[in-house]
Amino acid sequence: MEPLYQPIRFSQMHDMQVNLRYSDPLSDLGLDNFDSVWNLRGLKTVKQLRDRSVEYYDFFYRGKNRRFYPKRHIQESLSPVKIPLGGLRGADRDPQGILEFENICEFRARSFCTVEPVADCQKVIGPSQVISFLITEDFSPYLQLQSLFLEQRRFLEGLRGHSGGTY
Protein backbone atom coordinates (compact mmCIF):
# COMPACT_ATOMS: atom_id res chain seq x y z
CA MET A 1 0.00 0.00 0.00
CA GLU A 2 1.37 3.39 -0.98
CA PRO A 3 1.66 6.02 1.77
CA LEU A 4 -1.09 8.62 1.92
CA TYR A 5 1.47 11.42 1.98
CA GLN A 6 4.67 11.80 0.05
CA PRO A 7 7.75 12.28 2.23
CA ILE A 8 8.44 15.92 2.96
CA ARG A 9 11.51 17.28 1.26
CA PHE A 10 13.28 20.15 2.95
CA SER A 11 15.52 22.98 1.96
CA GLN A 12 17.35 25.60 3.93
CA MET A 13 16.17 29.19 3.47
CA HIS A 14 18.62 31.41 5.31
CA ASP A 15 18.26 30.18 8.91
CA MET A 16 14.94 28.32 8.44
CA GLN A 17 14.18 24.73 7.51
CA VAL A 18 11.46 24.86 4.86
CA ASN A 19 9.17 22.29 3.27
CA LEU A 20 10.16 22.59 -0.44
CA ARG A 21 6.50 22.95 -1.44
CA TYR A 22 6.43 26.27 0.43
CA SER A 23 9.72 27.84 -0.68
CA ASP A 24 8.07 30.09 -3.27
CA PRO A 25 5.13 31.33 -1.16
CA LEU A 26 7.40 32.06 1.82
CA SER A 27 9.90 33.87 -0.36
CA ASP A 28 7.20 35.86 -2.16
CA LEU A 29 5.69 36.90 1.19
CA GLY A 30 9.12 37.98 2.47
CA LEU A 31 9.04 35.29 5.17
CA ASP A 32 12.48 33.92 4.48
CA ASN A 33 14.29 34.07 7.84
CA PHE A 34 13.68 33.85 11.57
CA ASP A 35 13.22 37.58 12.19
CA SER A 36 10.79 38.09 9.29
CA VAL A 37 8.48 35.39 10.69
CA TRP A 38 8.93 36.23 14.38
CA ASN A 39 8.17 39.92 13.74
CA LEU A 40 5.31 39.38 11.26
CA ARG A 41 2.48 41.86 11.81
CA GLY A 42 -1.23 41.50 11.02
CA LEU A 43 -1.63 38.13 12.71
CA LYS A 44 -4.83 37.13 14.46
CA THR A 45 -4.48 35.30 17.76
CA VAL A 46 -5.99 31.83 18.15
CA LYS A 47 -4.37 30.97 21.48
CA GLN A 48 -2.04 32.84 23.82
CA LEU A 49 -0.39 30.96 26.65
CA ARG A 50 2.53 31.89 28.88
CA ASP A 51 5.07 29.91 26.88
CA ARG A 52 3.59 29.88 23.37
CA SER A 53 1.18 31.52 21.00
CA VAL A 54 -0.76 30.30 18.00
CA GLU A 55 -1.82 32.88 15.44
CA TYR A 56 -2.91 32.86 11.83
CA TYR A 57 -2.00 34.86 8.78
CA ASP A 58 -4.37 35.06 5.79
CA PHE A 59 -3.01 35.78 2.33
CA PHE A 60 -3.89 35.34 -1.32
CA TYR A 61 -1.47 33.29 -3.39
CA ARG A 62 -1.76 32.10 -6.99
CA GLY A 63 -5.51 32.60 -7.18
CA LYS A 64 -6.30 31.00 -3.84
CA ASN A 65 -6.98 32.20 -0.30
CA ARG A 66 -4.47 30.59 2.04
CA ARG A 67 -3.84 30.60 5.78
CA PHE A 68 -0.60 29.96 7.65
CA TYR A 69 -0.45 29.25 11.37
CA PRO A 70 2.78 30.49 12.95
CA LYS A 71 3.19 28.95 16.40
CA ARG A 72 5.78 30.72 18.53
CA HIS A 73 7.46 29.04 21.48
CA ILE A 74 8.65 31.77 23.79
CA GLN A 75 11.96 31.69 25.64
CA GLU A 76 12.84 28.20 26.71
CA SER A 77 15.75 27.48 28.97
CA LEU A 78 18.12 24.79 27.81
CA SER A 79 21.24 23.66 29.54
CA PRO A 80 24.18 25.57 28.04
CA VAL A 81 26.05 22.27 27.85
CA LYS A 82 23.39 20.94 25.46
CA ILE A 83 23.59 23.82 22.97
CA PRO A 84 26.21 22.96 20.34
CA LEU A 85 28.40 25.77 19.07
CA GLY A 86 26.98 25.49 15.54
CA GLY A 87 23.36 25.89 16.64
CA LEU A 88 20.58 23.95 18.26
CA ARG A 89 19.48 21.33 15.75
CA GLY A 90 20.91 18.03 16.85
CA ALA A 91 21.25 19.09 20.48
CA ASP A 92 20.20 16.64 23.19
CA ARG A 93 16.85 18.40 23.39
CA ASP A 94 15.60 20.54 20.53
CA PRO A 95 13.38 23.56 21.23
CA GLN A 96 9.62 22.91 21.30
CA GLY A 97 8.95 24.52 17.90
CA ILE A 98 11.47 22.21 16.27
CA LEU A 99 10.21 19.12 18.14
CA GLU A 100 6.62 19.84 17.15
CA PHE A 101 7.62 20.33 13.50
CA GLU A 102 9.54 17.04 13.50
CA ASN A 103 6.60 15.23 15.13
CA ILE A 104 4.24 16.50 12.43
CA CYS A 105 6.66 15.28 9.76
CA GLU A 106 6.86 11.89 11.47
CA PHE A 107 3.05 11.61 11.65
CA ARG A 108 2.77 12.37 7.94
CA ALA A 109 5.54 9.88 7.10
CA ARG A 110 3.38 7.24 8.82
CA SER A 111 0.28 8.39 6.85
CA PHE A 112 -1.47 10.09 9.77
CA CYS A 113 -3.80 12.80 8.56
CA THR A 114 -2.39 15.98 10.08
CA VAL A 115 -1.47 19.55 9.21
CA GLU A 116 1.06 20.36 6.50
CA PRO A 117 4.38 21.50 7.97
CA VAL A 118 5.66 24.67 6.28
CA ALA A 119 8.80 25.80 8.13
CA ASP A 120 10.59 25.86 11.45
CA CYS A 121 13.43 27.80 13.03
CA GLN A 122 15.00 28.67 16.35
CA LYS A 123 17.16 31.45 17.68
CA VAL A 124 19.51 31.52 20.65
CA ILE A 125 18.83 34.72 22.60
CA GLY A 126 21.08 34.19 25.59
CA PRO A 127 23.60 31.78 27.06
CA SER A 128 20.93 29.13 27.62
CA GLN A 129 17.77 30.76 26.24
CA VAL A 130 16.09 29.93 22.94
CA ILE A 131 12.94 30.96 21.08
CA SER A 132 11.50 28.88 18.24
CA PHE A 133 8.59 28.65 15.86
CA LEU A 134 6.93 26.37 13.39
CA ILE A 135 4.49 27.25 10.64
CA THR A 136 1.72 24.99 9.39
CA GLU A 137 -0.89 25.54 6.71
CA ASP A 138 -4.62 25.56 7.39
CA PHE A 139 -6.12 22.10 7.55
CA SER A 140 -9.82 22.93 7.11
CA PRO A 141 -12.32 21.35 7.19
CA TYR A 142 -10.64 18.78 9.45
CA LEU A 143 -10.99 18.86 13.24
CA GLN A 144 -8.24 18.83 15.81
CA LEU A 145 -8.03 15.60 17.77
CA GLN A 146 -8.09 17.76 20.91
CA SER A 147 -11.45 19.15 19.77
CA LEU A 148 -12.90 15.65 19.42
CA PHE A 149 -11.82 14.66 22.92
CA LEU A 150 -12.75 17.87 24.70
CA GLU A 151 -15.71 19.29 22.79
CA GLN A 152 -17.24 16.50 20.72
CA ARG A 153 -16.88 13.46 22.93
CA ARG A 154 -20.12 11.92 21.61
CA PHE A 155 -18.45 11.52 18.20
CA LEU A 156 -16.14 8.95 19.77
CA GLU A 157 -18.94 6.99 21.45
CA GLY A 158 -19.94 4.98 18.39
CA LEU A 159 -23.26 4.54 16.61
CA ARG A 160 -25.13 3.35 19.72
CA GLY A 161 -24.18 6.48 21.63
CA HIS A 162 -22.06 4.80 24.28
CA SER A 163 -18.51 3.58 24.57
CA GLY A 164 -18.01 0.12 23.17
CA GLY A 165 -20.83 0.55 20.67
CA THR A 166 -20.84 -0.70 17.09
CA TYR A 167 -18.83 1.45 14.71
C-alpha atoms as a PDB file:
ATOM      1  CA  MET A   1       0.000   0.000   0.000  1.00  0.00           C
ATOM      2  CA  GLU A   2       1.371   3.388  -0.983  1.00  0.00           C
ATOM      3  CA  PRO A   3       1.661   6.023   1.774  1.00  0.00           C
ATOM      4  CA  LEU A   4      -1.091   8.623   1.916  1.00  0.00           C
ATOM      5  CA  TYR A   5       1.468  11.424   1.980  1.00  0.00           C
ATOM      6  CA  GLN A   6       4.671  11.801   0.050  1.00  0.00           C
ATOM      7  CA  PRO A   7       7.754  12.276   2.232  1.00  0.00           C
ATOM      8  CA  ILE A   8       8.441  15.915   2.959  1.00  0.00           C
ATOM      9  CA  ARG A   9      11.513  17.281   1.258  1.00  0.00           C
ATOM     10  CA  PHE A  10      13.282  20.153   2.946  1.00  0.00           C
ATOM     11  CA  SER A  11      15.525  22.978   1.957  1.00  0.00           C
ATOM     12  CA  GLN A  12      17.353  25.602   3.933  1.00  0.00           C
ATOM     13  CA  MET A  13      16.167  29.194   3.473  1.00  0.00           C
ATOM     14  CA  HIS A  14      18.622  31.407   5.312  1.00  0.00           C
ATOM     15  CA  ASP A  15      18.258  30.180   8.910  1.00  0.00           C
ATOM     16  CA  MET A  16      14.936  28.316   8.436  1.00  0.00           C
ATOM     17  CA  GLN A  17      14.184  24.733   7.506  1.00  0.00           C
ATOM     18  CA  VAL A  18      11.455  24.856   4.855  1.00  0.00           C
ATOM     19  CA  ASN A  19       9.173  22.293   3.266  1.00  0.00           C
ATOM     20  CA  LEU A  20      10.160  22.594  -0.436  1.00  0.00           C
ATOM     21  CA  ARG A  21       6.497  22.952  -1.440  1.00  0.00           C
ATOM     22  CA  TYR A  22       6.434  26.265   0.429  1.00  0.00           C
ATOM     23  CA  SER A  23       9.717  27.840  -0.679  1.00  0.00           C
ATOM     24  CA  ASP A  24       8.067  30.090  -3.270  1.00  0.00           C
ATOM     25  CA  PRO A  25       5.134  31.334  -1.159  1.00  0.00           C
ATOM     26  CA  LEU A  26       7.396  32.062   1.824  1.00  0.00           C
ATOM     27  CA  SER A  27       9.905  33.869  -0.356  1.00  0.00           C
ATOM     28  CA  ASP A  28       7.197  35.864  -2.164  1.00  0.00           C
ATOM     29  CA  LEU A  29       5.692  36.897   1.194  1.00  0.00           C
ATOM     30  CA  GLY A  30       9.121  37.977   2.474  1.00  0.00           C
ATOM     31  CA  LEU A  31       9.038  35.291   5.173  1.00  0.00           C
ATOM     32  CA  ASP A  32      12.481  33.923   4.479  1.00  0.00           C
ATOM     33  CA  ASN A  33      14.287  34.068   7.837  1.00  0.00           C
ATOM     34  CA  PHE A  34      13.678  33.852  11.570  1.00  0.00           C
ATOM     35  CA  ASP A  35      13.217  37.580  12.187  1.00  0.00           C
ATOM     36  CA  SER A  36      10.786  38.086   9.285  1.00  0.00           C
ATOM     37  CA  VAL A  37       8.477  35.390  10.687  1.00  0.00           C
ATOM     38  CA  TRP A  38       8.931  36.230  14.377  1.00  0.00           C
ATOM     39  CA  ASN A  39       8.171  39.923  13.736  1.00  0.00           C
ATOM     40  CA  LEU A  40       5.312  39.376  11.256  1.00  0.00           C
ATOM     41  CA  ARG A  41       2.476  41.856  11.806  1.00  0.00           C
ATOM     42  CA  GLY A  42      -1.231  41.500  11.022  1.00  0.00           C
ATOM     43  CA  LEU A  43      -1.629  38.129  12.715  1.00  0.00           C
ATOM     44  CA  LYS A  44      -4.826  37.130  14.458  1.00  0.00           C
ATOM     45  CA  THR A  45      -4.485  35.298  17.756  1.00  0.00           C
ATOM     46  CA  VAL A  46      -5.988  31.835  18.151  1.00  0.00           C
ATOM     47  CA  LYS A  47      -4.370  30.965  21.482  1.00  0.00           C
ATOM     48  CA  GLN A  48      -2.043  32.842  23.818  1.00  0.00           C
ATOM     49  CA  LEU A  49      -0.388  30.958  26.645  1.00  0.00           C
ATOM     50  CA  ARG A  50       2.528  31.888  28.876  1.00  0.00           C
ATOM     51  CA  ASP A  51       5.071  29.906  26.885  1.00  0.00           C
ATOM     52  CA  ARG A  52       3.589  29.876  23.371  1.00  0.00           C
ATOM     53  CA  SER A  53       1.181  31.524  21.003  1.00  0.00           C
ATOM     54  CA  VAL A  54      -0.764  30.302  18.002  1.00  0.00           C
ATOM     55  CA  GLU A  55      -1.815  32.877  15.444  1.00  0.00           C
ATOM     56  CA  TYR A  56      -2.910  32.856  11.828  1.00  0.00           C
ATOM     57  CA  TYR A  57      -1.997  34.857   8.779  1.00  0.00           C
ATOM     58  CA  ASP A  58      -4.367  35.065   5.789  1.00  0.00           C
ATOM     59  CA  PHE A  59      -3.006  35.777   2.333  1.00  0.00           C
ATOM     60  CA  PHE A  60      -3.887  35.336  -1.321  1.00  0.00           C
ATOM     61  CA  TYR A  61      -1.473  33.291  -3.392  1.00  0.00           C
ATOM     62  CA  ARG A  62      -1.759  32.101  -6.986  1.00  0.00           C
ATOM     63  CA  GLY A  63      -5.506  32.600  -7.178  1.00  0.00           C
ATOM     64  CA  LYS A  64      -6.300  30.997  -3.845  1.00  0.00           C
ATOM     65  CA  ASN A  65      -6.980  32.197  -0.300  1.00  0.00           C
ATOM     66  CA  ARG A  66      -4.470  30.593   2.039  1.00  0.00           C
ATOM     67  CA  ARG A  67      -3.836  30.599   5.780  1.00  0.00           C
ATOM     68  CA  PHE A  68      -0.597  29.965   7.653  1.00  0.00           C
ATOM     69  CA  TYR A  69      -0.450  29.248  11.375  1.00  0.00           C
ATOM     70  CA  PRO A  70       2.781  30.488  12.954  1.00  0.00           C
ATOM     71  CA  LYS A  71       3.190  28.953  16.404  1.00  0.00           C
ATOM     72  CA  ARG A  72       5.777  30.724  18.530  1.00  0.00           C
ATOM     73  CA  HIS A  73       7.461  29.038  21.478  1.00  0.00           C
ATOM     74  CA  ILE A  74       8.651  31.765  23.790  1.00  0.00           C
ATOM     75  CA  GLN A  75      11.962  31.693  25.638  1.00  0.00           C
ATOM     76  CA  GLU A  76      12.842  28.203  26.706  1.00  0.00           C
ATOM     77  CA  SER A  77      15.751  27.479  28.972  1.00  0.00           C
ATOM     78  CA  LEU A  78      18.119  24.793  27.811  1.00  0.00           C
ATOM     79  CA  SER A  79      21.241  23.659  29.541  1.00  0.00           C
ATOM     80  CA  PRO A  80      24.181  25.569  28.038  1.00  0.00           C
ATOM     81  CA  VAL A  81      26.049  22.269  27.851  1.00  0.00           C
ATOM     82  CA  LYS A  82      23.393  20.939  25.460  1.00  0.00           C
ATOM     83  CA  ILE A  83      23.595  23.817  22.968  1.00  0.00           C
ATOM     84  CA  PRO A  84      26.207  22.960  20.338  1.00  0.00           C
ATOM     85  CA  LEU A  85      28.396  25.774  19.072  1.00  0.00           C
ATOM     86  CA  GLY A  86      26.985  25.490  15.538  1.00  0.00           C
ATOM     87  CA  GLY A  87      23.356  25.894  16.636  1.00  0.00           C
ATOM     88  CA  LEU A  88      20.576  23.946  18.261  1.00  0.00           C
ATOM     89  CA  ARG A  89      19.478  21.332  15.747  1.00  0.00           C
ATOM     90  CA  GLY A  90      20.905  18.031  16.847  1.00  0.00           C
ATOM     91  CA  ALA A  91      21.246  19.087  20.482  1.00  0.00           C
ATOM     92  CA  ASP A  92      20.201  16.637  23.192  1.00  0.00           C
ATOM     93  CA  ARG A  93      16.847  18.402  23.390  1.00  0.00           C
ATOM     94  CA  ASP A  94      15.601  20.541  20.528  1.00  0.00           C
ATOM     95  CA  PRO A  95      13.376  23.563  21.232  1.00  0.00           C
ATOM     96  CA  GLN A  96       9.619  22.909  21.296  1.00  0.00           C
ATOM     97  CA  GLY A  97       8.947  24.518  17.901  1.00  0.00           C
ATOM     98  CA  ILE A  98      11.472  22.211  16.271  1.00  0.00           C
ATOM     99  CA  LEU A  99      10.210  19.123  18.136  1.00  0.00           C
ATOM    100  CA  GLU A 100       6.619  19.839  17.146  1.00  0.00           C
ATOM    101  CA  PHE A 101       7.616  20.329  13.502  1.00  0.00           C
ATOM    102  CA  GLU A 102       9.542  17.040  13.503  1.00  0.00           C
ATOM    103  CA  ASN A 103       6.605  15.233  15.132  1.00  0.00           C
ATOM    104  CA  ILE A 104       4.239  16.499  12.430  1.00  0.00           C
ATOM    105  CA  CYS A 105       6.660  15.279   9.756  1.00  0.00           C
ATOM    106  CA  GLU A 106       6.856  11.889  11.468  1.00  0.00           C
ATOM    107  CA  PHE A 107       3.051  11.610  11.650  1.00  0.00           C
ATOM    108  CA  ARG A 108       2.772  12.372   7.942  1.00  0.00           C
ATOM    109  CA  ALA A 109       5.541   9.880   7.102  1.00  0.00           C
ATOM    110  CA  ARG A 110       3.381   7.245   8.819  1.00  0.00           C
ATOM    111  CA  SER A 111       0.279   8.393   6.852  1.00  0.00           C
ATOM    112  CA  PHE A 112      -1.472  10.089   9.774  1.00  0.00           C
ATOM    113  CA  CYS A 113      -3.800  12.801   8.557  1.00  0.00           C
ATOM    114  CA  THR A 114      -2.393  15.980  10.083  1.00  0.00           C
ATOM    115  CA  VAL A 115      -1.474  19.554   9.212  1.00  0.00           C
ATOM    116  CA  GLU A 116       1.055  20.358   6.496  1.00  0.00           C
ATOM    117  CA  PRO A 117       4.378  21.505   7.972  1.00  0.00           C
ATOM    118  CA  VAL A 118       5.660  24.666   6.279  1.00  0.00           C
ATOM    119  CA  ALA A 119       8.796  25.801   8.129  1.00  0.00           C
ATOM    120  CA  ASP A 120      10.593  25.861  11.454  1.00  0.00           C
ATOM    121  CA  CYS A 121      13.425  27.797  13.027  1.00  0.00           C
ATOM    122  CA  GLN A 122      15.003  28.667  16.354  1.00  0.00           C
ATOM    123  CA  LYS A 123      17.164  31.452  17.682  1.00  0.00           C
ATOM    124  CA  VAL A 124      19.508  31.520  20.648  1.00  0.00           C
ATOM    125  CA  ILE A 125      18.826  34.719  22.599  1.00  0.00           C
ATOM    126  CA  GLY A 126      21.081  34.190  25.593  1.00  0.00           C
ATOM    127  CA  PRO A 127      23.598  31.779  27.064  1.00  0.00           C
ATOM    128  CA  SER A 128      20.929  29.131  27.620  1.00  0.00           C
ATOM    129  CA  GLN A 129      17.773  30.759  26.235  1.00  0.00           C
ATOM    130  CA  VAL A 130      16.089  29.934  22.938  1.00  0.00           C
ATOM    131  CA  ILE A 131      12.942  30.958  21.080  1.00  0.00           C
ATOM    132  CA  SER A 132      11.503  28.876  18.244  1.00  0.00           C
ATOM    133  CA  PHE A 133       8.589  28.654  15.864  1.00  0.00           C
ATOM    134  CA  LEU A 134       6.928  26.374  13.394  1.00  0.00           C
ATOM    135  CA  ILE A 135       4.487  27.247  10.639  1.00  0.00           C
ATOM    136  CA  THR A 136       1.718  24.988   9.387  1.00  0.00           C
ATOM    137  CA  GLU A 137      -0.894  25.544   6.713  1.00  0.00           C
ATOM    138  CA  ASP A 138      -4.618  25.559   7.392  1.00  0.00           C
ATOM    139  CA  PHE A 139      -6.124  22.098   7.554  1.00  0.00           C
ATOM    140  CA  SER A 140      -9.815  22.926   7.107  1.00  0.00           C
ATOM    141  CA  PRO A 141     -12.322  21.350   7.189  1.00  0.00           C
ATOM    142  CA  TYR A 142     -10.639  18.781   9.452  1.00  0.00           C
ATOM    143  CA  LEU A 143     -10.994  18.864  13.241  1.00  0.00           C
ATOM    144  CA  GLN A 144      -8.243  18.832  15.807  1.00  0.00           C
ATOM    145  CA  LEU A 145      -8.032  15.598  17.774  1.00  0.00           C
ATOM    146  CA  GLN A 146      -8.093  17.758  20.912  1.00  0.00           C
ATOM    147  CA  SER A 147     -11.451  19.146  19.774  1.00  0.00           C
ATOM    148  CA  LEU A 148     -12.898  15.653  19.421  1.00  0.00           C
ATOM    149  CA  PHE A 149     -11.823  14.662  22.920  1.00  0.00           C
ATOM    150  CA  LEU A 150     -12.753  17.867  24.696  1.00  0.00           C
ATOM    151  CA  GLU A 151     -15.705  19.291  22.786  1.00  0.00           C
ATOM    152  CA  GLN A 152     -17.239  16.504  20.717  1.00  0.00           C
ATOM    153  CA  ARG A 153     -16.884  13.457  22.927  1.00  0.00           C
ATOM    154  CA  ARG A 154     -20.118  11.917  21.614  1.00  0.00           C
ATOM    155  CA  PHE A 155     -18.446  11.522  18.203  1.00  0.00           C
ATOM    156  CA  LEU A 156     -16.143   8.948  19.768  1.00  0.00           C
ATOM    157  CA  GLU A 157     -18.943   6.988  21.452  1.00  0.00           C
ATOM    158  CA  GLY A 158     -19.944   4.976  18.388  1.00  0.00           C
ATOM    159  CA  LEU A 159     -23.256   4.540  16.607  1.00  0.00           C
ATOM    160  CA  ARG A 160     -25.127   3.352  19.719  1.00  0.00           C
ATOM    161  CA  GLY A 161     -24.176   6.485  21.631  1.00  0.00           C
ATOM    162  CA  HIS A 162     -22.062   4.796  24.284  1.00  0.00           C
ATOM    163  CA  SER A 163     -18.512   3.577  24.570  1.00  0.00           C
ATOM    164  CA  GLY A 164     -18.006   0.124  23.166  1.00  0.00           C
ATOM    165  CA  GLY A 165     -20.833   0.554  20.665  1.00  0.00           C
ATOM    166  CA  THR A 166     -20.842  -0.705  17.090  1.00  0.00           C
ATOM    167  CA  TYR A 167     -18.831   1.450  14.715  1.00  0.00           C
END
